[in-house]
Protein backbone atom coordinates (compact mmCIF):
# COMPACT_ATOMS: atom_id res chain seq x y z
CA UNK A 1 137.20 -163.20 -43.71
CA UNK A 2 134.11 -161.05 -43.15
CA UNK A 3 132.97 -160.37 -39.62
CA UNK A 4 129.27 -159.80 -39.25
CA UNK A 5 127.82 -157.69 -36.48
CA UNK A 6 125.45 -159.43 -34.15
CA UNK A 7 121.83 -158.72 -35.01
CA UNK A 8 120.36 -156.49 -32.29
CA UNK A 9 117.69 -158.15 -30.17
CA UNK A 10 115.22 -155.36 -31.07
CA UNK A 11 115.51 -155.82 -34.84
CA UNK A 12 111.74 -156.49 -35.03
CA UNK A 13 111.08 -153.09 -33.45
CA UNK A 14 109.90 -151.78 -30.09
CA UNK A 15 106.72 -150.10 -28.96
CA UNK A 16 106.70 -146.73 -27.25
CA UNK A 17 104.21 -143.95 -26.62
CA UNK A 18 104.98 -141.04 -24.30
CA UNK A 19 102.36 -140.82 -21.55
CA UNK A 20 103.57 -137.39 -20.38
CA UNK A 21 104.03 -138.74 -16.88
CA UNK A 22 107.42 -137.08 -16.47
CA UNK A 23 109.03 -140.05 -14.78
CA UNK A 24 111.99 -139.80 -17.16
CA UNK A 25 112.53 -136.22 -15.90
CA UNK A 26 111.89 -136.68 -12.19
CA UNK A 27 113.98 -137.38 -9.11
CA UNK A 28 114.39 -138.35 -6.35
CA UNK A 29 117.87 -139.50 -7.31
CA UNK A 30 120.33 -137.07 -8.80
CA UNK A 31 120.69 -137.21 -12.51
CA UNK A 32 122.34 -135.38 -15.32
CA UNK A 33 120.85 -133.91 -18.44
CA UNK A 34 123.97 -133.37 -20.49
CA UNK A 35 123.91 -130.34 -22.75
CA UNK A 36 126.31 -128.99 -25.33
CA UNK A 37 127.20 -125.33 -25.79
CA UNK A 38 125.01 -125.31 -28.91
CA UNK A 39 122.05 -126.74 -26.99
CA UNK A 40 122.56 -124.21 -24.19
CA UNK A 41 122.50 -121.40 -26.77
CA UNK A 42 119.27 -122.73 -28.32
CA UNK A 43 117.59 -123.07 -24.93
CA UNK A 44 118.72 -119.56 -23.93
CA UNK A 45 117.31 -118.08 -27.13
CA UNK A 46 114.05 -119.98 -26.62
CA UNK A 47 113.75 -118.55 -23.09
CA UNK A 48 114.80 -115.06 -24.16
CA UNK A 49 117.99 -115.20 -22.10
CA UNK A 50 121.61 -114.49 -22.81
CA UNK A 51 124.02 -117.41 -22.66
CA UNK A 52 125.44 -115.99 -19.42
CA UNK A 53 121.96 -115.80 -17.85
CA UNK A 54 121.22 -119.33 -19.01
CA UNK A 55 124.44 -120.61 -17.44
CA UNK A 56 123.87 -118.84 -14.12
CA UNK A 57 120.23 -119.97 -13.76
CA UNK A 58 119.99 -123.38 -15.38
CA UNK A 59 123.38 -124.97 -16.05
CA UNK A 60 126.02 -126.56 -13.85
CA UNK A 61 129.47 -127.75 -14.77
CA UNK A 62 130.24 -131.38 -13.96
CA UNK A 63 133.86 -132.20 -14.69
CA UNK A 64 134.41 -131.09 -18.28
CA UNK A 65 130.71 -131.29 -19.20
CA UNK A 66 127.56 -129.28 -18.61
CA UNK A 67 124.25 -130.46 -17.19
CA UNK A 68 120.91 -128.76 -16.63
CA UNK A 69 120.23 -128.07 -12.97
CA UNK A 70 117.53 -129.84 -11.01
CA UNK A 71 114.98 -128.48 -8.60
CA UNK A 72 116.46 -128.52 -5.11
CA UNK A 73 113.28 -129.76 -3.40
CA UNK A 74 112.73 -132.94 -5.43
CA UNK A 75 115.53 -133.22 -8.03
CA UNK A 76 113.07 -132.97 -10.94
CA UNK A 77 114.32 -131.32 -14.10
CA UNK A 78 114.06 -127.56 -13.74
CA UNK A 79 112.03 -127.37 -16.96
CA UNK A 80 109.40 -129.96 -16.00
CA UNK A 81 106.04 -128.22 -15.50
CA UNK A 82 102.59 -129.52 -14.45
CA UNK A 83 99.87 -129.27 -17.07
CA UNK A 84 97.01 -129.38 -14.54
CA UNK A 85 95.50 -132.67 -15.66
CA UNK A 86 97.95 -135.08 -14.05
CA UNK A 87 100.32 -134.85 -17.00
CA UNK A 88 103.51 -132.86 -17.17
CA UNK A 89 105.21 -130.99 -19.94
CA UNK A 90 108.59 -129.62 -20.80
CA UNK A 91 109.06 -125.87 -20.86
CA UNK A 92 111.80 -126.25 -23.48
CA UNK A 93 110.33 -129.19 -25.43
CA UNK A 94 110.94 -127.71 -28.90
CA UNK A 95 114.64 -127.17 -28.09
CA UNK A 96 115.20 -129.96 -25.58
CA UNK A 97 118.67 -131.55 -25.47
CA UNK A 98 119.59 -134.63 -27.49
CA UNK A 99 119.54 -136.73 -24.32
CA UNK A 100 115.87 -135.88 -23.85
CA UNK A 101 114.94 -136.23 -27.53
CA UNK A 102 116.36 -139.74 -27.73
CA UNK A 103 114.53 -141.23 -24.70
CA UNK A 104 113.80 -144.15 -24.34
CA UNK A 105 116.01 -145.29 -27.20
CA UNK A 106 119.23 -144.83 -25.26
CA UNK A 107 122.04 -147.29 -25.88
CA UNK A 108 121.91 -148.31 -22.22
CA UNK A 109 118.21 -149.19 -22.52
CA UNK A 110 118.79 -151.14 -25.73
CA UNK A 111 121.64 -153.35 -24.51
CA UNK A 112 119.42 -156.31 -23.66
CA UNK A 113 115.73 -157.16 -23.37
CA UNK A 114 116.25 -156.99 -19.62
CA UNK A 115 117.62 -153.43 -19.75
CA UNK A 116 114.61 -152.39 -21.86
CA UNK A 117 112.25 -154.06 -19.36
CA UNK A 118 114.02 -152.32 -16.47
CA UNK A 119 113.52 -148.94 -18.17
CA UNK A 120 109.88 -149.93 -18.56
CA UNK A 121 109.53 -150.17 -14.78
CA UNK A 122 110.05 -146.41 -14.63
CA UNK A 123 108.38 -145.46 -17.93
CA UNK A 124 104.79 -146.62 -18.61
CA UNK A 125 105.17 -145.67 -22.28
CA UNK A 126 107.67 -148.46 -22.93
CA UNK A 127 106.04 -151.43 -24.65
CA UNK A 128 102.91 -149.36 -25.28
CA UNK A 129 101.73 -147.47 -28.33
CA UNK A 130 103.06 -147.66 -31.83
CA UNK A 131 105.82 -149.96 -32.97
CA UNK A 132 109.05 -148.19 -33.93
CA UNK A 133 111.03 -149.99 -36.61
CA UNK A 134 114.66 -150.91 -36.11
CA UNK A 135 115.71 -148.05 -38.43
CA UNK A 136 113.57 -145.53 -36.54
CA UNK A 137 115.03 -146.71 -33.24
CA UNK A 138 118.58 -146.36 -34.55
CA UNK A 139 117.90 -142.86 -35.93
CA UNK A 140 116.46 -141.76 -32.61
CA UNK A 141 119.23 -143.43 -30.60
CA UNK A 142 121.81 -141.51 -32.63
CA UNK A 143 119.79 -138.29 -32.31
CA UNK A 144 119.43 -137.93 -36.07
CA UNK A 145 115.64 -138.03 -36.04
CA UNK A 146 113.00 -136.85 -33.64
């Protein structure tokens, strides 16, 4: 007997357009931007740092994993920078971690229409802009496409 997977609720696609508001990268609550050793090495190279310098300045160990540090005054990502026009940018955008590259198509945001809507309360780019197909969403969720 064949068992068929349930069709995801977002099979018709979802709209998203980054507004460069930075809300996905801002505090005030503590968060984690999980990074692998490979991602740390890429970020270090991008910044012209050694891996040891990168670790001491921008990485913290949480259990058995690593996370980027946050600014102590507001818990924003350490690499979030103002662009002077109300928008913000990422100092390491071209080498940003998978967790950042896959936003907002995280599994937790795609669980239900309600979880997607809840993410939209924080992110004004959700349900705005171009329609991503189901396949594009899945590729981004898995981190296999940017």
